[in-house]
Amino acid sequence: MLVSLLKKFGLKFSLNDPRWGRGSDDNKNQDGNKRPNDGPPDLDQLWRDFNQRLSNLFGNKKNGGGNNNNGNGGNSGGNGFTPDMRGAGIGAGVIAAIVAFLWLVSGFFIVQEGQTGVVLTFGKYSHMTPAGFNWRWPTPIQSHETVNVSQVRTVEVGYRGNVKNKQQQESLMLTEDENIIDIQFAVQFTLKNASEWVFNNREQDEMVKQVAETAIREVVGRNKMDFVLYEGREKIAFDSSQLMQQIVDKYKAGVQITNVTMQGVQPPEQVQASFDDAVKAGQDRERQKNEGQAYANDVIPRARGAASRLMQESEAYRASVTANAQGEASRFKQVLVEYQKAPAVTRDRMYIDTMQKIFSSTTKVMVDAKGSNNLIYLPLDKLIAQTAAGTAAATAPSAATSSTPTLPTDSVALETQLQQESRTRDSRISREREVR
């Protein structure tokens, strides 16, 4: 369309000229014949043709309005082109419209998913654009910067790339008990506000690293060395993360701290061996304490159980003795009542019961003959021992299973007769006492 419009106004490009490469009308010899085809013109000839057509388009004459070489006052034939001013204005307007269209089109830009576009107006923050196809005023009015807000960024403190590549000026810290400790950790964070990340701070990664180092030093300085080395690692990381978030929020850095990972926590290398010895000694102490506590847990309950058992046995013995004493006292009172009713009978009964208790546990018997003072001694213990020895020699298996010795039949009968005579005599003596 543009080419056809330019043709309408008499403008021809070299590529559309059918005589391109064949020379101009002036390229004739002196005899009026055309020169032979010498091939395409060189670059200088193309440039001269382009400048001539631009001059004709904007109303300039080829010879500047002067006379030709022949001295005639008019223009040379066919070369004194005077353009139409209306056509020149339309052509300039079309060119300006095309340039303006291309300028406006240059304001379109695409923001990828997970990114945010920050638009600047004459270098000052204007607004943010979401992911997708967006437009802004072209340069130099507005410009834009794309920021990846979904990327998880990492800052390393105390090492670079590998924990073996330590940075002593960052990793050495002082604890509450005035001990030096070597810590390497990594901080992971994302962006929650792209404009704050871009404009509020310089060297954002370095700012986050310095904030992380400041926070971890403050948290470590509030705790003792043993706590930081062993049971307090997770708490140290959590407290440091909270403190970092507070600091970056005060700075309005647009940063969200997501994780703090402790890569290495140990004492300095110069005292590592001594510290290992101290740790081993502490572990031995704890082991011995645990063993002593286990022994105490085993012995103390047993001692307490034995003491409780003794106390219960003593309480039972006391209750038994008290009950027996009370029973004996009650029985004595009952016997006293009966004695007051029949003294002689009660006295004889008590005597007989007492003698029965005495002779039931003895193996020797003293017999008083009737009407005489001679006492007959019956060595029942000797008879029982001899009988037991003879029985054991005769029947060894039965003697091993039997625990109660048996008396001869004659001895048992004799003993029974003596007991009856003794009871008869005692009864007679009691009656005589009552008569008296």
Protein backbone atom coordinates (compact mmCIF):
# COMPACT_ATOMS: atom_id res chain seq x y z
CA MET A 1 0.00 0.00 0.00
CA LEU A 2 2.79 2.39 0.89
CA VAL A 3 4.63 1.60 -2.32
CA SER A 4 1.56 2.24 -4.45
CA LEU A 5 0.93 5.53 -2.65
CA LEU A 6 4.48 6.66 -3.30
CA LYS A 7 4.14 5.70 -6.96
CA LYS A 8 1.07 7.93 -7.15
CA PHE A 9 3.17 10.90 -6.19
CA GLY A 10 5.82 10.06 -8.72
CA LEU A 11 8.37 8.52 -6.33
CA LYS A 12 10.11 5.45 -7.63
CA PHE A 13 12.54 3.24 -5.78
CA SER A 14 15.40 1.73 -7.58
CA LEU A 15 14.11 -1.79 -7.08
CA ASN A 16 10.83 -0.88 -8.82
CA ASP A 17 12.48 1.00 -11.66
CA PRO A 18 12.31 -1.12 -14.87
CA ARG A 19 15.41 0.65 -16.11
CA TRP A 20 17.34 -0.20 -12.93
CA GLY A 21 20.80 -1.32 -13.87
CA ARG A 22 20.56 0.06 -17.41
CA GLY A 23 21.73 3.60 -16.69
CA SER A 24 19.89 6.92 -17.17
CA ASP A 25 18.85 8.80 -20.26
CA ASP A 26 22.01 10.84 -20.05
CA ASN A 27 24.11 7.76 -20.52
CA LYS A 28 24.29 8.10 -24.28
CA ASN A 29 27.21 8.40 -26.52
CA GLN A 30 27.88 11.37 -28.72
CA ASP A 31 26.13 9.76 -31.66
CA GLY A 32 22.84 9.56 -29.75
CA ASN A 33 22.95 5.77 -29.39
CA LYS A 34 22.53 4.01 -25.99
CA ARG A 35 25.51 2.50 -24.41
CA PRO A 36 25.65 -1.22 -24.06
CA ASN A 37 24.43 -2.84 -20.81
CA ASP A 38 27.33 -2.69 -18.42
CA GLY A 39 25.56 -4.67 -15.55
CA PRO A 40 24.18 -3.32 -12.22
CA PRO A 41 25.50 0.02 -11.01
CA ASP A 42 27.82 0.29 -8.10
CA LEU A 43 26.90 1.51 -4.58
CA ASP A 44 27.90 5.12 -5.34
CA GLN A 45 25.40 5.24 -8.20
CA LEU A 46 22.60 3.86 -5.95
CA TRP A 47 23.36 6.44 -3.31
CA ARG A 48 23.27 9.29 -5.85
CA ASP A 49 19.92 8.08 -7.19
CA PHE A 50 18.47 7.94 -3.66
CA ASN A 51 19.64 11.48 -2.81
CA GLN A 52 18.20 12.81 -6.11
CA ARG A 53 14.78 11.36 -5.41
CA LEU A 54 14.74 12.75 -1.86
CA SER A 55 15.59 16.18 -3.27
CA ASN A 56 12.78 15.93 -5.82
CA LEU A 57 10.32 14.82 -3.11
CA PHE A 58 10.95 17.88 -0.93
CA GLY A 59 10.93 20.41 -3.79
CA ASN A 60 14.59 20.97 -4.50
CA LYS A 61 15.69 21.35 -8.09
CA LYS A 62 18.45 19.27 -9.42
CA ASN A 63 20.68 22.22 -10.29
CA GLY A 64 19.54 24.48 -7.46
CA GLY A 65 17.40 26.66 -9.80
CA GLY A 66 20.40 27.85 -11.88
CA ASN A 67 21.10 27.60 -15.63
CA ASN A 68 22.13 24.43 -17.34
CA ASN A 69 25.45 23.75 -18.95
CA ASN A 70 24.26 25.18 -22.25
CA GLY A 71 23.60 28.61 -20.71
CA ASN A 72 19.80 28.46 -21.27
CA GLY A 73 17.70 30.31 -18.70
CA GLY A 74 15.21 27.39 -18.36
CA ASN A 75 15.61 24.02 -16.71
CA SER A 76 17.13 21.14 -18.52
CA GLY A 77 14.58 18.92 -20.16
CA GLY A 78 12.86 16.51 -17.72
CA ASN A 79 15.12 17.21 -14.72
CA GLY A 80 13.52 20.38 -13.24
CA PHE A 81 10.75 18.51 -11.26
CA THR A 82 8.61 20.74 -8.99
CA PRO A 83 6.57 18.58 -6.55
CA ASP A 84 3.00 19.22 -5.41
CA MET A 85 2.96 20.69 -1.89
CA ARG A 86 -0.26 18.89 -1.00
CA GLY A 87 1.22 15.53 -1.96
CA ALA A 88 4.39 16.27 -0.01
CA GLY A 89 2.33 17.05 3.14
CA ILE A 90 0.34 13.84 2.81
CA GLY A 91 3.54 11.82 2.40
CA ALA A 92 5.11 13.43 5.45
CA GLY A 93 1.93 12.75 7.46
CA VAL A 94 1.92 9.09 6.43
CA ILE A 95 5.53 8.70 7.44
CA ALA A 96 4.87 10.43 10.76
CA ALA A 97 1.88 8.16 11.42
CA ILE A 98 3.96 5.08 10.70
CA VAL A 99 6.71 6.27 13.02
CA ALA A 100 4.15 7.07 15.74
CA PHE A 101 2.52 3.66 15.34
CA LEU A 102 5.85 1.89 15.65
CA TRP A 103 6.70 4.03 18.68
CA LEU A 104 3.43 3.11 20.41
CA VAL A 105 3.82 -0.56 19.56
CA SER A 106 7.19 -0.56 21.26
CA GLY A 107 5.40 -0.03 24.59
CA PHE A 108 3.99 -3.57 24.69
CA PHE A 109 5.85 -6.10 26.88
CA ILE A 110 5.24 -9.57 28.31
CA VAL A 111 5.66 -10.56 31.99
CA GLN A 112 6.20 -14.28 32.60
CA GLU A 113 4.34 -16.29 35.25
CA GLY A 114 5.89 -15.86 38.69
CA GLN A 115 7.26 -12.43 37.78
CA THR A 116 6.10 -8.86 38.32
CA GLY A 117 6.67 -5.86 36.11
CA VAL A 118 7.68 -2.55 37.72
CA VAL A 119 6.81 0.46 35.52
CA LEU A 120 8.79 3.71 35.83
CA THR A 121 7.62 7.12 34.58
CA PHE A 122 10.60 9.33 33.78
CA GLY A 123 12.65 7.18 36.15
CA LYS A 124 10.16 7.34 39.05
CA TYR A 125 8.11 4.38 40.28
CA SER A 126 4.60 4.40 38.78
CA HIS A 127 2.91 1.04 39.28
CA MET A 128 3.33 -2.74 39.07
CA THR A 129 1.89 -5.03 36.42
CA PRO A 130 0.82 -8.67 36.81
CA ALA A 131 1.96 -11.58 34.68
CA GLY A 132 0.76 -11.50 31.08
CA PHE A 133 0.66 -9.07 28.12
CA ASN A 134 0.98 -5.44 29.29
CA TRP A 135 1.49 -2.00 27.80
CA ARG A 136 3.22 1.16 28.97
CA TRP A 137 4.12 4.43 27.39
CA PRO A 138 7.17 3.87 25.21
CA THR A 139 10.62 5.24 25.90
CA PRO A 140 11.53 7.88 26.95
CA ILE A 141 8.25 8.46 28.83
CA GLN A 142 8.08 5.13 30.65
CA SER A 143 10.26 2.08 31.13
CA HIS A 144 9.81 -1.20 32.97
CA GLU A 145 11.83 -3.73 34.96
CA THR A 146 10.88 -7.38 35.43
CA VAL A 147 11.38 -8.91 38.89
CA ASN A 148 11.08 -12.63 39.68
CA VAL A 149 9.03 -12.80 42.91
CA SER A 150 8.55 -16.60 42.99
CA GLN A 151 12.24 -17.50 42.97
CA VAL A 152 13.66 -18.82 46.27
CA ARG A 153 16.86 -16.87 46.79
CA THR A 154 19.68 -18.04 49.07
CA VAL A 155 22.28 -16.10 51.03
CA GLU A 156 25.22 -17.95 52.61
CA VAL A 157 26.84 -16.69 55.81
CA GLY A 158 30.11 -18.11 57.08
CA TYR A 159 30.94 -20.10 53.94
CA ARG A 160 30.75 -19.92 50.16
CA GLY A 161 29.46 -22.84 48.14
CA ASN A 162 30.80 -25.50 50.54
CA VAL A 163 31.07 -25.61 54.34
CA LYS A 164 34.78 -26.36 53.94
CA ASN A 165 35.24 -22.98 52.26
CA LYS A 166 34.83 -21.02 55.48
CA GLN A 167 34.71 -17.26 55.89
CA GLN A 168 36.20 -16.73 59.34
CA GLN A 169 35.24 -13.07 59.55
CA GLU A 170 31.58 -14.05 59.21
CA SER A 171 31.39 -17.37 61.05
CA LEU A 172 33.20 -16.66 64.36
CA MET A 173 30.75 -15.45 67.04
CA LEU A 174 30.79 -14.86 70.79
CA THR A 175 28.37 -16.63 73.15
CA GLU A 176 26.93 -15.47 76.46
CA ASP A 177 29.54 -17.39 78.49
CA GLU A 178 32.33 -15.64 76.53
CA ASN A 179 33.21 -18.59 74.31
CA ILE A 180 33.94 -18.38 70.59
CA ILE A 181 31.87 -20.56 68.27
CA ASP A 182 32.05 -21.20 64.53
CA ILE A 183 28.66 -21.16 62.74
CA GLN A 184 27.81 -21.58 59.05
CA PHE A 185 24.22 -21.16 57.95
CA ALA A 186 22.12 -20.35 54.88
CA VAL A 187 19.11 -18.04 54.62
CA GLN A 188 16.38 -18.68 52.05
CA PHE A 189 13.93 -15.92 51.18
CA THR A 190 11.43 -14.79 48.55
CA LEU A 191 10.11 -11.38 47.48
CA LYS A 192 6.73 -10.14 48.68
CA ASN A 193 6.95 -6.63 47.18
CA ALA A 194 8.90 -6.07 43.97
CA SER A 195 8.89 -2.26 44.14
CA GLU A 196 10.35 -2.23 47.67
CA TRP A 197 12.98 -4.77 46.63
CA VAL A 198 14.05 -2.64 43.65
CA PHE A 199 13.93 0.89 45.05
CA ASN A 200 14.26 0.87 48.87
CA ASN A 201 17.73 -0.65 49.20
CA ARG A 202 20.96 -0.91 47.28
CA GLU A 203 22.75 -4.23 46.77
CA GLN A 204 19.80 -6.20 48.07
CA ASP A 205 21.59 -9.55 48.45
CA GLU A 206 24.36 -7.96 50.46
CA MET A 207 21.76 -6.23 52.63
CA VAL A 208 20.04 -9.54 53.40
CA LYS A 209 23.39 -11.16 54.24
CA GLN A 210 24.30 -8.39 56.66
CA VAL A 211 20.86 -8.58 58.29
CA ALA A 212 21.26 -12.35 58.70
CA GLU A 213 24.72 -12.01 60.21
CA THR A 214 23.52 -9.31 62.63
CA ALA A 215 20.51 -11.36 63.75
CA ILE A 216 22.44 -14.60 64.30
CA ARG A 217 25.12 -12.80 66.31
CA GLU A 218 22.49 -11.26 68.57
CA VAL A 219 20.72 -14.59 69.15
CA VAL A 220 23.97 -16.51 69.79
CA GLY A 221 25.14 -13.79 72.18
CA ARG A 222 22.07 -14.43 74.36
CA ASN A 223 22.76 -18.18 74.79
CA LYS A 224 25.49 -20.35 76.23
CA MET A 225 27.88 -22.40 74.14
CA ASP A 226 26.56 -25.85 75.09
CA PHE A 227 23.01 -24.81 74.25
CA VAL A 228 24.05 -23.51 70.82
CA LEU A 229 26.12 -26.61 70.02
CA TYR A 230 23.62 -29.30 70.99
CA GLU A 231 19.99 -29.01 71.99
CA GLY A 232 19.42 -25.39 70.92
CA ARG A 233 20.16 -25.49 67.18
CA GLU A 234 16.54 -25.45 66.06
CA LYS A 235 15.62 -22.72 68.52
CA ILE A 236 18.59 -20.62 67.41
CA ALA A 237 17.49 -20.95 63.76
CA PHE A 238 13.86 -20.07 64.60
CA ASP A 239 14.74 -17.03 66.72
CA SER A 240 17.18 -15.81 64.07
CA SER A 241 14.51 -16.12 61.36
CA GLN A 242 12.03 -14.09 63.42
CA LEU A 243 14.59 -11.37 64.14
CA MET A 244 15.65 -11.19 60.46
CA GLN A 245 12.04 -10.73 59.39
CA GLN A 246 11.58 -7.88 61.85
CA ILE A 247 14.70 -6.10 60.58
CA VAL A 248 13.89 -6.41 56.86
CA ASP A 249 10.34 -5.22 57.56
CA LYS A 250 11.76 -2.11 59.21
CA TYR A 251 13.98 -1.59 56.17
CA LYS A 252 10.94 -2.08 53.86
CA ALA A 253 13.02 -4.42 51.76
CA GLY A 254 10.06 -6.43 50.39
CA VAL A 255 11.64 -9.68 51.62
CA GLN A 256 9.96 -12.73 53.19
CA ILE A 257 12.36 -14.97 55.16
CA THR A 258 11.30 -18.58 54.54
CA ASN A 259 13.99 -20.71 56.16
CA VAL A 260 17.25 -20.58 58.11
CA THR A 261 19.38 -23.74 57.80
CA MET A 262 22.28 -24.38 60.18
CA GLN A 263 25.03 -25.98 58.08
CA GLY A 264 27.69 -26.31 60.75
CA VAL A 265 28.07 -25.40 64.43
CA GLN A 266 31.38 -26.19 66.13
CA PRO A 267 34.13 -24.61 68.21
CA PRO A 268 37.14 -23.03 66.46
CA GLU A 269 39.63 -25.39 64.87
CA GLN A 270 42.42 -24.31 67.23
CA VAL A 271 40.63 -25.72 70.28
CA GLN A 272 38.72 -28.54 68.60
CA ALA A 273 40.80 -31.35 70.18
CA SER A 274 40.58 -29.91 73.70
CA PHE A 275 36.91 -29.31 73.28
CA ASP A 276 36.38 -32.92 72.18
CA ASP A 277 38.16 -34.09 75.34
CA ALA A 278 35.97 -31.86 77.46
CA VAL A 279 32.86 -33.14 75.72
CA LYS A 280 33.96 -36.74 76.27
CA ALA A 281 34.57 -36.04 79.96
CA GLY A 282 31.14 -34.46 80.24
CA GLN A 283 29.59 -37.47 78.59
CA ASP A 284 31.39 -39.81 81.00
CA ARG A 285 30.15 -37.73 83.91
CA GLU A 286 26.60 -37.92 82.65
CA ARG A 287 26.95 -41.68 82.15
CA GLN A 288 28.18 -42.20 85.70
CA LYS A 289 25.43 -40.01 87.05
CA ASN A 290 22.90 -42.06 85.16
CA GLU A 291 24.36 -45.29 86.47
CA GLY A 292 24.29 -43.96 90.05
CA GLN A 293 20.72 -42.81 89.57
CA ALA A 294 19.78 -46.23 88.23
CA TYR A 295 21.39 -47.93 91.25
CA ALA A 296 19.59 -45.54 93.58
CA ASN A 297 16.32 -46.22 91.81
CA ASP A 298 16.91 -49.93 92.40
CA VAL A 299 18.05 -49.80 96.05
CA ILE A 300 15.85 -47.08 97.49
CA PRO A 301 12.52 -48.72 96.59
CA ARG A 302 13.73 -52.00 98.06
CA ALA A 303 14.80 -50.31 101.31
CA ARG A 304 11.52 -48.45 101.49
CA GLY A 305 9.64 -51.71 100.91
CA ALA A 306 11.62 -53.49 103.63
CA ALA A 307 11.03 -50.62 106.05
CA SER A 308 7.33 -50.64 105.25
CA ARG A 309 7.20 -54.41 105.75
CA LEU A 310 8.96 -54.16 109.13
CA MET A 311 6.62 -51.42 110.22
CA GLN A 312 3.60 -53.48 109.24
CA GLU A 313 5.00 -56.55 111.00
CA SER A 314 5.62 -54.52 114.14
CA GLU A 315 2.12 -53.10 113.96
CA ALA A 316 0.74 -56.62 113.55
CA TYR A 317 2.83 -57.88 116.48
CA ARG A 318 1.67 -55.04 118.66
CA ALA A 319 -1.93 -55.68 117.72
CA SER A 320 -1.46 -59.40 118.40
CA VAL A 321 0.14 -58.84 121.81
CA THR A 322 -2.50 -56.32 122.75
CA ALA A 323 -5.29 -58.64 121.66
CA ASN A 324 -3.73 -61.57 123.55
CA ALA A 325 -3.32 -59.47 126.68
CA GLN A 326 -6.88 -58.29 126.45
CA GLY A 327 -8.03 -61.88 125.91
CA GLU A 328 -6.01 -63.11 128.90
CA ALA A 329 -7.37 -60.33 131.06
CA SER A 330 -10.91 -61.15 129.98
CA ARG A 331 -10.34 -64.84 130.62
CA PHE A 332 -8.86 -64.09 134.03
CA LYS A 333 -11.90 -62.03 134.90
CA GLN A 334 -14.16 -64.88 133.85
CA VAL A 335 -12.06 -67.36 135.88
CA LEU A 336 -12.25 -65.00 138.85
CA VAL A 337 -16.02 -65.02 138.68
CA GLU A 338 -16.09 -68.81 138.59
CA TYR A 339 -13.50 -69.03 141.37
CA GLN A 340 -15.66 -66.91 143.58
CA LYS A 341 -18.52 -69.35 143.02
CA ALA A 342 -16.49 -72.58 143.60
CA PRO A 343 -12.94 -71.91 144.76
CA ALA A 344 -11.84 -75.56 145.29
CA VAL A 345 -13.06 -76.84 141.96
CA THR A 346 -11.66 -73.91 140.11
CA ARG A 347 -8.34 -74.28 141.88
CA ASP A 348 -8.09 -77.99 141.06
CA ARG A 349 -9.04 -77.34 137.48
CA MET A 350 -6.38 -74.69 137.13
CA TYR A 351 -3.81 -76.97 138.68
CA ILE A 352 -4.66 -79.85 136.37
CA ASP A 353 -4.56 -77.65 133.28
CA THR A 354 -1.22 -76.24 134.30
CA MET A 355 0.32 -79.64 134.94
CA GLN A 356 -1.06 -80.91 131.62
CA LYS A 357 0.64 -78.07 129.80
CA ILE A 358 3.90 -78.72 131.61
CA PHE A 359 4.03 -82.50 131.12
CA SER A 360 2.83 -82.33 127.52
CA SER A 361 6.15 -80.82 126.48
CA THR A 362 8.52 -82.91 128.67
CA THR A 363 10.02 -86.34 128.11
CA LYS A 364 10.66 -87.11 131.81
CA VAL A 365 7.94 -88.33 134.19
CA MET A 366 8.13 -88.38 138.03
CA VAL A 367 5.55 -90.75 139.62
CA ASP A 368 4.58 -90.63 143.33
CA ALA A 369 3.50 -94.03 144.64
CA LYS A 370 0.37 -94.26 146.78
CA GLY A 371 0.96 -94.02 150.46
CA SER A 372 4.72 -93.50 150.14
CA ASN A 373 7.14 -90.74 149.48
CA ASN A 374 9.31 -92.67 147.05
CA LEU A 375 9.32 -91.18 143.59
CA ILE A 376 9.56 -93.41 140.56
CA TYR A 377 11.56 -91.97 137.67
CA LEU A 378 10.58 -93.12 134.25
CA PRO A 379 13.27 -92.28 131.63
CA LEU A 380 10.80 -91.92 128.81
CA ASP A 381 13.27 -89.84 126.79
CA LYS A 382 15.78 -92.71 126.80
CA LEU A 383 13.08 -95.20 125.83
CA ILE A 384 11.89 -92.95 123.01
CA ALA A 385 15.46 -92.45 121.71
CA GLN A 386 16.21 -96.18 121.75
CA THR A 387 12.96 -97.03 120.07
CA ALA A 388 13.58 -94.40 117.40
CA ALA A 389 17.12 -95.70 116.79
CA GLY A 390 15.95 -99.29 116.44
CA THR A 391 13.15 -98.32 114.10
CA ALA A 392 15.51 -96.28 111.94
CA ALA A 393 17.98 -99.16 111.68
CA ALA A 394 15.25 -101.66 110.77
CA THR A 395 13.33 -99.54 108.29
CA ALA A 396 15.61 -96.88 106.86
CA PRO A 397 13.25 -95.69 104.03
CA SER A 398 10.25 -95.39 106.34
CA ALA A 399 12.37 -93.64 108.95
CA ALA A 400 13.45 -91.06 106.35
CA THR A 401 9.83 -90.12 105.55
CA SER A 402 8.52 -90.28 109.11
CA SER A 403 9.24 -87.33 111.38
CA THR A 404 7.32 -88.35 114.54
CA PRO A 405 8.81 -91.23 116.67
CA THR A 406 6.41 -93.87 118.00
CA LEU A 407 6.47 -95.20 121.58
CA PRO A 408 6.17 -98.87 122.49
CA THR A 409 2.72 -100.05 123.39
CA ASP A 410 3.67 -100.90 126.98
CA SER A 411 5.18 -97.49 127.58
CA VAL A 412 2.06 -95.74 126.26
CA ALA A 413 -0.22 -97.83 128.45
CA LEU A 414 2.00 -97.21 131.47
CA GLU A 415 1.97 -93.50 130.85
CA THR A 416 -1.81 -93.47 130.50
CA GLN A 417 -2.27 -95.38 133.75
CA LEU A 418 0.08 -93.04 135.58
CA GLN A 419 -1.82 -90.00 134.33
CA GLN A 420 -5.14 -91.46 135.51
CA GLU A 421 -3.69 -92.28 138.93
CA SER A 422 -2.28 -88.79 139.18
CA ARG A 423 -5.63 -87.24 138.35
CA THR A 424 -7.40 -89.50 140.91
CA ARG A 425 -4.93 -88.54 143.55
CA ASP A 426 -5.28 -84.86 142.76
CA SER A 427 -9.04 -85.12 142.98
CA ARG A 428 -8.83 -86.86 146.33
CA ILE A 429 -6.47 -84.24 147.68
CA SER A 430 -8.79 -81.48 146.48
CA ARG A 431 -11.78 -83.04 148.23
CA GLU A 432 -9.85 -83.38 151.43
CA ARG A 433 -8.92 -79.69 151.27
CA GLU A 434 -12.51 -78.70 150.76
CA VAL A 435 -13.60 -80.79 153.77
CA ARG A 436 -11.02 -79.08 155.92
